[in-house]
Amino acid sequence: MLALVGLPGSGKSTVGRQLARRLDLPFIDADQVIESKLGFSIREFFEREGEDRFRDLEAQTLDELTRHHPGVLSTGGGVVLRPHNREVLRQRTRVFYLRATPEEIYRRLRHDKVRPLLQVADPLGRLRELLAQRDPLYTEVAHHIIESHKPNISGLVNQILRCVAPAT
């Protein structure tokens, strides 16, 4: 299984879908799986239950997905916050960190009203905080780091494919 990690808006789902298509593998979006289980949005769950309870559900879902589903996995942006999740990702998947600058992510997400961690007065400042907190964790878990703010989607997919292709 290939897993994509990175901040919200770094391109995990978009790149993951195209990567899965190119590799003829199933695509799994962990956040969509969680929302399907819940029957309502992650944002609503955050509001009702809080982030800690969400992280519990996220860890359980990650464990299930990495045990039973082949393919390309797009993870939630905060999945790396728990050491056990980083261990699961590192041991059971090949992890690609899609790294983008907070400014680039803000440009992509400035009109997004869905992502709970960005519904704050200063979303760009929040993205900078998230990157400062999470970049070392994404780097720790990653087998490969892909700079996602540079090329287009197919260019990112091609970079990943070069990492996945057997050496000749």
Protein backbone atom coordinates (compact mmCIF):
# COMPACT_ATOMS: atom_id res chain seq x y z
CA MET A 1 0.00 0.00 0.00
CA LEU A 2 1.12 3.53 -0.82
CA ALA A 3 0.13 6.23 1.68
CA LEU A 4 0.08 9.98 1.17
CA VAL A 5 0.58 12.31 4.14
CA GLY A 6 0.73 16.08 4.40
CA LEU A 7 -1.11 19.17 5.53
CA PRO A 8 -4.75 19.68 4.56
CA GLY A 9 -4.74 20.97 1.00
CA SER A 10 -1.33 19.54 0.07
CA GLY A 11 -2.94 17.44 -2.68
CA LYS A 12 -3.25 14.02 -1.02
CA SER A 13 -6.69 13.17 -2.39
CA THR A 14 -6.20 14.70 -5.83
CA VAL A 15 -2.77 13.14 -6.34
CA GLY A 16 -3.89 9.88 -4.75
CA ARG A 17 -6.80 9.42 -7.14
CA GLN A 18 -4.63 9.99 -10.19
CA LEU A 19 -1.81 7.83 -8.81
CA ALA A 20 -4.22 4.95 -8.13
CA ARG A 21 -5.64 5.27 -11.64
CA ARG A 22 -2.15 5.19 -13.18
CA LEU A 23 -1.17 2.13 -11.10
CA ASP A 24 -4.55 0.45 -11.63
CA LEU A 25 -5.04 0.20 -7.85
CA PRO A 26 -7.96 1.12 -5.62
CA PHE A 27 -7.96 4.60 -4.09
CA ILE A 28 -8.98 5.02 -0.45
CA ASP A 29 -9.52 8.39 1.22
CA ALA A 30 -9.35 7.78 4.98
CA ASP A 31 -11.46 10.85 5.76
CA GLN A 32 -14.20 9.66 3.39
CA VAL A 33 -14.14 6.23 5.04
CA ILE A 34 -14.52 7.90 8.45
CA GLU A 35 -17.40 10.08 7.25
CA SER A 36 -19.08 7.04 5.74
CA LYS A 37 -18.83 5.22 9.10
CA LEU A 38 -20.16 8.26 10.98
CA GLY A 39 -22.94 9.17 8.60
CA PHE A 40 -22.02 12.85 8.94
CA SER A 41 -19.03 15.13 8.39
CA ILE A 42 -15.75 15.14 10.27
CA ARG A 43 -16.38 18.81 11.00
CA GLU A 44 -19.64 17.89 12.78
CA PHE A 45 -17.83 15.14 14.70
CA PHE A 46 -15.15 17.65 15.79
CA GLU A 47 -17.88 19.98 17.04
CA ARG A 48 -19.81 17.23 18.86
CA GLU A 49 -17.03 15.05 20.25
CA GLY A 50 -13.76 17.03 20.01
CA GLU A 51 -10.43 16.36 18.36
CA ASP A 52 -9.26 13.64 20.79
CA ARG A 53 -12.26 11.41 20.04
CA PHE A 54 -11.76 12.04 16.34
CA ARG A 55 -8.10 11.00 16.60
CA ASP A 56 -9.23 7.75 18.27
CA LEU A 57 -11.55 7.00 15.38
CA GLU A 58 -8.87 8.00 12.87
CA ALA A 59 -6.34 5.60 14.47
CA GLN A 60 -8.83 2.73 14.40
CA THR A 61 -9.65 3.42 10.75
CA LEU A 62 -5.96 3.64 9.79
CA ASP A 63 -5.30 0.30 11.46
CA GLU A 64 -8.18 -1.34 9.57
CA LEU A 65 -7.29 0.17 6.21
CA THR A 66 -3.60 -0.72 6.37
CA ARG A 67 -4.42 -4.30 7.31
CA HIS A 68 -7.14 -5.07 4.81
CA HIS A 69 -7.00 -2.80 1.77
CA PRO A 70 -4.37 -2.69 -0.95
CA GLY A 71 -3.97 0.43 -3.03
CA VAL A 72 -3.31 4.13 -2.56
CA LEU A 73 -4.34 5.69 0.75
CA SER A 74 -4.92 9.40 1.30
CA THR A 75 -4.65 10.09 5.04
CA GLY A 76 -6.02 12.93 7.12
CA GLY A 77 -3.60 15.77 7.76
CA GLY A 78 -3.32 15.04 11.48
CA VAL A 79 -2.86 11.28 11.29
CA VAL A 80 0.84 11.67 12.16
CA LEU A 81 0.12 13.27 15.54
CA ARG A 82 -0.06 9.90 17.26
CA PRO A 83 3.16 7.86 17.48
CA HIS A 84 1.28 4.58 16.92
CA ASN A 85 -0.15 5.91 13.64
CA ARG A 86 3.33 6.88 12.45
CA GLU A 87 4.56 3.38 13.29
CA VAL A 88 1.64 1.76 11.44
CA LEU A 89 2.21 3.94 8.39
CA ARG A 90 5.95 3.40 8.34
CA GLN A 91 5.73 -0.39 8.77
CA ARG A 92 2.69 -1.25 6.64
CA THR A 93 2.86 1.28 3.81
CA ARG A 94 5.25 3.17 1.59
CA VAL A 95 4.76 6.77 2.71
CA PHE A 96 4.96 9.83 0.48
CA TYR A 97 4.94 13.22 2.20
CA LEU A 98 3.41 15.84 -0.09
CA ARG A 99 5.10 18.95 1.26
CA ALA A 100 3.70 22.38 0.36
CA THR A 101 4.20 25.82 1.82
CA PRO A 102 1.49 27.31 4.04
CA GLU A 103 1.11 30.12 1.50
CA GLU A 104 0.45 27.68 -1.35
CA ILE A 105 -2.05 25.71 0.74
CA TYR A 106 -3.79 28.91 1.79
CA ARG A 107 -4.08 29.92 -1.86
CA ARG A 108 -5.74 26.56 -2.61
CA LEU A 109 -8.02 26.52 0.45
CA ARG A 110 -8.84 30.15 1.15
CA HIS A 111 -12.53 29.60 0.31
CA ASP A 112 -12.82 26.16 2.00
CA LYS A 113 -15.48 26.06 4.71
CA VAL A 114 -15.23 22.33 5.45
CA ARG A 115 -11.84 21.65 7.05
CA PRO A 116 -12.32 22.08 10.80
CA LEU A 117 -8.79 23.13 11.70
CA LEU A 118 -8.90 26.00 9.20
CA GLN A 119 -12.14 27.58 10.43
CA VAL A 120 -10.27 30.24 12.40
CA ALA A 121 -9.74 34.01 12.16
CA ASP A 122 -6.23 33.62 10.65
CA PRO A 123 -6.12 30.46 8.49
CA LEU A 124 -2.69 31.28 7.03
CA GLY A 125 -1.28 31.68 10.53
CA ARG A 126 -2.94 28.39 11.50
CA LEU A 127 -1.36 26.64 8.49
CA ARG A 128 2.06 27.99 9.52
CA GLU A 129 1.51 26.62 13.05
CA LEU A 130 0.38 23.24 11.67
CA LEU A 131 3.43 23.01 9.43
CA ALA A 132 5.80 23.90 12.29
CA GLN A 133 4.17 21.22 14.45
CA ARG A 134 3.69 18.50 11.84
CA ASP A 135 6.57 18.84 9.35
CA PRO A 136 8.99 16.91 11.61
CA LEU A 137 6.37 14.17 12.04
CA TYR A 138 5.62 13.92 8.32
CA THR A 139 9.36 13.81 7.66
CA GLU A 140 9.85 11.09 10.29
CA VAL A 141 7.22 8.82 8.78
CA ALA A 142 8.01 9.48 5.10
CA HIS A 143 9.89 7.09 2.89
CA HIS A 144 9.85 9.82 0.21
CA ILE A 145 9.28 13.60 0.31
CA ILE A 146 7.60 15.17 -2.71
CA GLU A 147 7.51 18.96 -2.98
CA SER A 148 3.85 19.42 -3.91
CA HIS A 149 3.94 23.17 -4.46
CA LYS A 150 6.14 22.96 -7.55
CA PRO A 151 4.75 20.87 -10.44
CA ASN A 152 1.21 20.15 -11.55
CA ILE A 153 -0.74 17.06 -10.46
CA SER A 154 0.51 14.79 -13.24
CA GLY A 155 4.06 15.96 -12.49
CA LEU A 156 3.61 14.97 -8.83
CA VAL A 157 2.20 11.59 -9.85
CA ASN A 158 5.17 11.05 -12.18
CA GLN A 159 7.61 11.85 -9.35
CA ILE A 160 5.92 9.25 -7.15
CA LEU A 161 5.86 6.70 -9.95
CA ARG A 162 9.62 7.13 -10.39
CA CYS A 163 10.06 6.29 -6.69
CA VAL A 164 7.76 3.27 -6.96
CA ALA A 165 9.20 1.86 -10.20
CA PRO A 166 11.76 -0.89 -9.75
CA ALA A 167 15.32 0.16 -10.52
CA THR A 168 16.56 -1.14 -13.86
